[in-house]
C-alpha atoms as a PDB file:
ATOM      1  CA  MET A   1     120.590 111.130 144.857  1.00  0.00           C
ATOM      2  CA  PRO A   2     120.459 114.848 143.107  1.00  0.00           C
ATOM      3  CA  ARG A   3     122.589 113.009 140.430  1.00  0.00           C
ATOM      4  CA  THR A   4     120.056 110.448 140.005  1.00  0.00           C
ATOM      5  CA  LEU A   5     117.397 112.975 139.547  1.00  0.00           C
ATOM      6  CA  LEU A   6     119.674 114.787 136.988  1.00  0.00           C
ATOM      7  CA  ALA A   7     120.226 111.916 134.803  1.00  0.00           C
ATOM      8  CA  LEU A   8     116.448 111.223 134.815  1.00  0.00           C
ATOM      9  CA  LEU A   9     115.133 114.561 133.941  1.00  0.00           C
ATOM     10  CA  LEU A  10     118.275 114.637 130.695  1.00  0.00           C
ATOM     11  CA  ALA A  11     117.047 111.055 130.296  1.00  0.00           C
ATOM     12  CA  VAL A  12     113.420 112.263 130.048  1.00  0.00           C
ATOM     13  CA  ALA A  13     114.494 115.416 128.042  1.00  0.00           C
ATOM     14  CA  ALA A  14     116.008 113.538 125.292  1.00  0.00           C
ATOM     15  CA  GLY A  15     113.364 111.558 124.831  1.00  0.00           C
ATOM     16  CA  CYS A  16     111.033 114.494 124.100  1.00  0.00           C
ATOM     17  CA  ALA A  17     113.215 115.553 121.508  1.00  0.00           C
ATOM     18  CA  ALA A  18     113.300 112.054 119.678  1.00  0.00           C
ATOM     19  CA  THR A  19     112.619 111.622 115.970  1.00  0.00           C
ATOM     20  CA  PRO A  20     109.590 111.932 114.644  1.00  0.00           C
ATOM     21  CA  PRO A  21     108.163 108.665 113.180  1.00  0.00           C
ATOM     22  CA  ALA A  22     108.934 107.685 109.732  1.00  0.00           C
ATOM     23  CA  ASP A  23     104.964 108.041 108.377  1.00  0.00           C
ATOM     24  CA  ALA A  24     104.650 111.446 110.504  1.00  0.00           C
ATOM     25  CA  PRO A  25     102.184 113.985 109.146  1.00  0.00           C
ATOM     26  CA  ARG A  26     103.247 116.508 106.791  1.00  0.00           C
ATOM     27  CA  THR A  27     103.710 120.099 108.249  1.00  0.00           C
ATOM     28  CA  VAL A  28     103.052 123.573 105.975  1.00  0.00           C
ATOM     29  CA  GLN A  29     106.239 124.840 103.660  1.00  0.00           C
ATOM     30  CA  ALA A  30     106.853 127.757 105.559  1.00  0.00           C
ATOM     31  CA  VAL A  31     105.213 129.956 108.567  1.00  0.00           C
ATOM     32  CA  ASP A  32     105.777 133.659 108.888  1.00  0.00           C
ATOM     33  CA  LEU A  33     105.665 133.718 112.810  1.00  0.00           C
ATOM     34  CA  GLY A  34     105.072 137.756 112.338  1.00  0.00           C
ATOM     35  CA  ARG A  35     101.504 136.696 110.676  1.00  0.00           C
ATOM     36  CA  TYR A  36     100.802 134.028 112.810  1.00  0.00           C
ATOM     37  CA  ALA A  37     101.696 136.155 115.984  1.00  0.00           C
ATOM     38  CA  GLY A  38      98.118 137.384 118.237  1.00  0.00           C
ATOM     39  CA  VAL A  39      94.827 135.641 119.029  1.00  0.00           C
ATOM     40  CA  TRP A  40      93.707 132.130 117.861  1.00  0.00           C
ATOM     41  CA  TYR A  41      90.585 130.603 118.845  1.00  0.00           C
ATOM     42  CA  GLU A  42      90.296 127.189 119.497  1.00  0.00           C
ATOM     43  CA  VAL A  43      87.059 125.531 117.531  1.00  0.00           C
ATOM     44  CA  ALA A  44      88.218 121.683 117.524  1.00  0.00           C
ATOM     45  CA  ARG A  45      90.401 119.563 119.610  1.00  0.00           C
ATOM     46  CA  PHE A  46      91.367 116.185 120.380  1.00  0.00           C
ATOM     47  CA  PRO A  47      90.202 115.606 124.080  1.00  0.00           C
ATOM     48  CA  ASN A  48      93.782 115.716 126.226  1.00  0.00           C
ATOM     49  CA  ARG A  49      94.495 115.907 129.958  1.00  0.00           C
ATOM     50  CA  PHE A  50      95.162 119.564 129.714  1.00  0.00           C
ATOM     51  CA  GLN A  51      91.751 120.953 128.706  1.00  0.00           C
ATOM     52  CA  ASP A  52      89.903 117.881 129.362  1.00  0.00           C
ATOM     53  CA  GLY A  53      91.559 116.341 132.496  1.00  0.00           C
ATOM     54  CA  SER A  54      90.637 115.599 135.848  1.00  0.00           C
ATOM     55  CA  GLY A  55      88.512 118.890 137.006  1.00  0.00           C
ATOM     56  CA  VAL A  56      88.878 120.382 133.597  1.00  0.00           C
ATOM     57  CA  SER A  57      86.670 121.106 130.868  1.00  0.00           C
ATOM     58  CA  CYS A  58      88.584 124.082 128.690  1.00  0.00           C
ATOM     59  CA  ALA A  59      85.540 126.259 127.257  1.00  0.00           C
ATOM     60  CA  ASP A  60      86.431 129.268 125.452  1.00  0.00           C
ATOM     61  CA  THR A  61      89.968 128.192 124.496  1.00  0.00           C
ATOM     62  CA  THR A  62      92.566 130.957 123.007  1.00  0.00           C
ATOM     63  CA  ALA A  63      96.059 130.912 121.998  1.00  0.00           C
ATOM     64  CA  THR A  64      98.169 133.937 121.874  1.00  0.00           C
ATOM     65  CA  TYR A  65     101.471 133.965 120.101  1.00  0.00           C
ATOM     66  CA  THR A  66     103.666 137.183 120.481  1.00  0.00           C
ATOM     67  CA  PRO A  67     107.340 137.223 118.854  1.00  0.00           C
ATOM     68  CA  ARG A  68     110.083 138.064 121.758  1.00  0.00           C
ATOM     69  CA  PRO A  69     113.076 139.840 121.570  1.00  0.00           C
ATOM     70  CA  ASP A  70     115.508 136.704 121.581  1.00  0.00           C
ATOM     71  CA  GLY A  71     113.645 135.248 118.314  1.00  0.00           C
ATOM     72  CA  ARG A  72     111.195 132.857 120.404  1.00  0.00           C
ATOM     73  CA  VAL A  73     107.605 132.958 120.393  1.00  0.00           C
ATOM     74  CA  GLY A  74     105.894 133.868 123.639  1.00  0.00           C
ATOM     75  CA  VAL A  75     102.581 131.315 124.246  1.00  0.00           C
ATOM     76  CA  VAL A  76      99.721 132.192 126.396  1.00  0.00           C
ATOM     77  CA  ASN A  77      96.583 129.803 126.209  1.00  0.00           C
ATOM     78  CA  ARG A  78      93.222 130.697 127.958  1.00  0.00           C
ATOM     79  CA  CYS A  79      90.114 129.051 128.911  1.00  0.00           C
ATOM     80  CA  ARG A  80      86.997 129.049 130.833  1.00  0.00           C
ATOM     81  CA  ASN A  81      87.258 126.038 133.129  1.00  0.00           C
ATOM     82  CA  ALA A  82      83.355 124.880 132.492  1.00  0.00           C
ATOM     83  CA  ALA A  83      83.836 122.379 135.765  1.00  0.00           C
ATOM     84  CA  ALA A  84      84.603 125.192 137.859  1.00  0.00           C
ATOM     85  CA  GLY A  85      82.034 127.409 136.885  1.00  0.00           C
ATOM     86  CA  GLY A  86      83.925 129.359 134.453  1.00  0.00           C
ATOM     87  CA  ALA A  87      87.040 130.349 135.677  1.00  0.00           C
ATOM     88  CA  GLU A  88      89.852 131.539 134.312  1.00  0.00           C
ATOM     89  CA  ARG A  89      92.772 129.256 133.371  1.00  0.00           C
ATOM     90  CA  VAL A  90      95.830 130.434 132.198  1.00  0.00           C
ATOM     91  CA  ALA A  91      99.096 128.748 130.947  1.00  0.00           C
ATOM     92  CA  GLU A  92     102.273 130.577 129.996  1.00  0.00           C
ATOM     93  CA  GLY A  93     104.950 129.048 128.005  1.00  0.00           C
ATOM     94  CA  ARG A  94     107.492 130.094 125.150  1.00  0.00           C
ATOM     95  CA  ALA A  95     108.226 128.237 121.829  1.00  0.00           C
ATOM     96  CA  TYR A  96     110.803 127.986 119.423  1.00  0.00           C
ATOM     97  CA  ALA A  97     110.936 126.641 115.586  1.00  0.00           C
ATOM     98  CA  VAL A  98     113.067 123.942 114.601  1.00  0.00           C
ATOM     99  CA  GLU A  99     115.611 124.787 112.513  1.00  0.00           C
ATOM    100  CA  GLY A 100     114.848 124.012 108.429  1.00  0.00           C
ATOM    101  CA  SER A 101     111.079 123.435 109.145  1.00  0.00           C
ATOM    102  CA  GLY A 102     110.644 127.093 107.948  1.00  0.00           C
ATOM    103  CA  ASN A 103     108.763 127.825 111.327  1.00  0.00           C
ATOM    104  CA  ALA A 104     105.932 125.223 110.315  1.00  0.00           C
ATOM    105  CA  ARG A 105     107.589 123.178 113.411  1.00  0.00           C
ATOM    106  CA  LEU A 106     107.906 124.755 116.952  1.00  0.00           C
ATOM    107  CA  ARG A 107     108.657 123.100 120.123  1.00  0.00           C
ATOM    108  CA  VAL A 108     106.585 124.413 122.790  1.00  0.00           C
ATOM    109  CA  SER A 109     107.405 124.375 126.747  1.00  0.00           C
ATOM    110  CA  PHE A 110     104.659 125.499 129.691  1.00  0.00           C
ATOM    111  CA  PHE A 111     107.245 123.571 131.906  1.00  0.00           C
ATOM    112  CA  TRP A 112     110.963 123.565 131.591  1.00  0.00           C
ATOM    113  CA  PRO A 113     112.428 121.298 130.865  1.00  0.00           C
ATOM    114  CA  PHE A 114     109.793 119.727 128.789  1.00  0.00           C
ATOM    115  CA  TYR A 115     108.644 120.585 125.777  1.00  0.00           C
ATOM    116  CA  GLY A 116     106.086 119.479 123.190  1.00  0.00           C
ATOM    117  CA  ASP A 117     105.908 119.155 119.153  1.00  0.00           C
ATOM    118  CA  TYR A 118     103.716 121.526 117.582  1.00  0.00           C
ATOM    119  CA  TRP A 119     103.025 121.304 113.944  1.00  0.00           C
ATOM    120  CA  VAL A 120     101.621 123.684 111.395  1.00  0.00           C
ATOM    121  CA  LEU A 121     100.177 121.081 109.094  1.00  0.00           C
ATOM    122  CA  GLY A 122      97.338 123.312 107.439  1.00  0.00           C
ATOM    123  CA  LEU A 123      97.252 127.391 107.087  1.00  0.00           C
ATOM    124  CA  ALA A 124      94.862 129.319 105.466  1.00  0.00           C
ATOM    125  CA  PRO A 125      97.017 131.534 102.570  1.00  0.00           C
ATOM    126  CA  ASP A 126      95.450 134.433 104.736  1.00  0.00           C
ATOM    127  CA  TYR A 127      96.206 133.004 107.544  1.00  0.00           C
ATOM    128  CA  ARG A 128      92.543 132.741 108.934  1.00  0.00           C
ATOM    129  CA  TRP A 129      92.695 128.988 110.062  1.00  0.00           C
ATOM    130  CA  ALA A 130      95.128 126.915 111.039  1.00  0.00           C
ATOM    131  CA  VAL A 131      95.420 122.551 111.985  1.00  0.00           C
ATOM    132  CA  VAL A 132      98.123 122.322 114.401  1.00  0.00           C
ATOM    133  CA  GLY A 133      99.264 118.519 115.516  1.00  0.00           C
ATOM    134  CA  ASP A 134     102.001 116.405 116.516  1.00  0.00           C
ATOM    135  CA  PRO A 135     104.041 114.033 114.719  1.00  0.00           C
ATOM    136  CA  ARG A 136     102.374 111.056 116.624  1.00  0.00           C
ATOM    137  CA  ARG A 137      99.138 111.802 115.992  1.00  0.00           C
ATOM    138  CA  GLU A 138      97.975 112.303 119.488  1.00  0.00           C
ATOM    139  CA  TYR A 139      96.751 115.984 119.652  1.00  0.00           C
ATOM    140  CA  LEU A 140      95.155 117.779 117.197  1.00  0.00           C
ATOM    141  CA  TRP A 141      93.606 121.514 117.324  1.00  0.00           C
ATOM    142  CA  ILE A 142      91.883 123.624 114.867  1.00  0.00           C
ATOM    143  CA  LEU A 143      92.203 127.275 114.936  1.00  0.00           C
ATOM    144  CA  SER A 144      90.386 130.274 113.399  1.00  0.00           C
ATOM    145  CA  ARG A 145      90.850 134.025 113.724  1.00  0.00           C
ATOM    146  CA  VAL A 146      87.339 134.585 115.232  1.00  0.00           C
ATOM    147  CA  PRO A 147      85.381 132.415 117.434  1.00  0.00           C
ATOM    148  CA  VAL A 148      82.944 131.069 115.268  1.00  0.00           C
ATOM    149  CA  MET A 149      84.646 129.228 111.986  1.00  0.00           C
ATOM    150  CA  ALA A 150      83.051 129.372 108.664  1.00  0.00           C
ATOM    151  CA  ALA A 151      81.966 126.223 107.556  1.00  0.00           C
ATOM    152  CA  ASP A 152      83.874 125.805 104.712  1.00  0.00           C
ATOM    153  CA  ASP A 153      87.003 126.555 106.191  1.00  0.00           C
ATOM    154  CA  TYR A 154      86.388 124.122 109.227  1.00  0.00           C
ATOM    155  CA  ALA A 155      85.530 121.409 106.443  1.00  0.00           C
ATOM    156  CA  ALA A 156      88.858 122.497 104.740  1.00  0.00           C
ATOM    157  CA  ALA A 157      91.046 122.148 107.827  1.00  0.00           C
ATOM    158  CA  LEU A 158      89.130 118.756 108.553  1.00  0.00           C
ATOM    159  CA  ALA A 159      90.335 117.863 105.132  1.00  0.00           C
ATOM    160  CA  VAL A 160      93.828 118.506 106.127  1.00  0.00           C
ATOM    161  CA  ALA A 161      93.778 116.373 109.112  1.00  0.00           C
ATOM    162  CA  ARG A 162      92.164 113.570 107.257  1.00  0.00           C
ATOM    163  CA  ARG A 163      94.667 113.825 104.462  1.00  0.00           C
ATOM    164  CA  GLU A 164      97.266 113.873 106.982  1.00  0.00           C
ATOM    165  CA  GLY A 165      96.230 110.256 108.724  1.00  0.00           C
ATOM    166  CA  PHE A 166      94.769 112.138 111.813  1.00  0.00           C
ATOM    167  CA  ASP A 167      90.909 110.159 113.396  1.00  0.00           C
ATOM    168  CA  THR A 168      89.268 113.278 112.926  1.00  0.00           C
ATOM    169  CA  GLY A 169      86.164 111.117 114.602  1.00  0.00           C
ATOM    170  CA  ARG A 170      87.753 111.815 117.898  1.00  0.00           C
ATOM    171  CA  LEU A 171      87.480 115.503 117.538  1.00  0.00           C
ATOM    172  CA  LEU A 172      85.651 117.495 120.218  1.00  0.00           C
ATOM    173  CA  ARG A 173      84.070 120.756 119.343  1.00  0.00           C
ATOM    174  CA  THR A 174      85.211 123.825 121.489  1.00  0.00           C
ATOM    175  CA  PRO A 175      82.189 124.752 124.211  1.00  0.00           C
ATOM    176  CA  ARG A 176      81.624 128.244 124.149  1.00  0.00           C
ATOM    177  CA  LEU A 177      79.875 129.478 127.495  1.00  0.00           C
ATOM    178  CA  GLY A 178      77.018 131.031 127.212  1.00  0.00           C
ATOM    179  CA  ALA A 179      76.862 130.272 123.376  1.00  0.00           C
END
């Protein structure tokens, strides 16, 4: 039985690292991970089971990225669960840049050995906003360095998502508790 379980886990892990589809969205050319580090406020997202699942309704969502000495990136996601009276939820993980991607394609894990794709599709030149998605267009996040994103920045981020083939009609604006 342990061998079967190990084989299953290895097969699942191999599937998680599958090649992107031929029509995958384009990423930015390069990301300076030192400049990308810090706190990002989620402004909008595609609904997903991690943030919008059973008993979960994330509001006031942030992601904090921290360079690690081993070359990887520490990731801490926080939100207030509106479905549980605003209780804080925290998920800690780590990421690494995909070789040859200019740091624009990251693999992120919150539960080893499982990794997800985190592709930077759009990024303001001054790193004040970012558009992040995955190659199959199942996930999309619009992030900002400030909790309330300027309307013209949001429009620019939406334009990037549309250009890369994301259905922006699916976006859910991230709720702000008490706002």
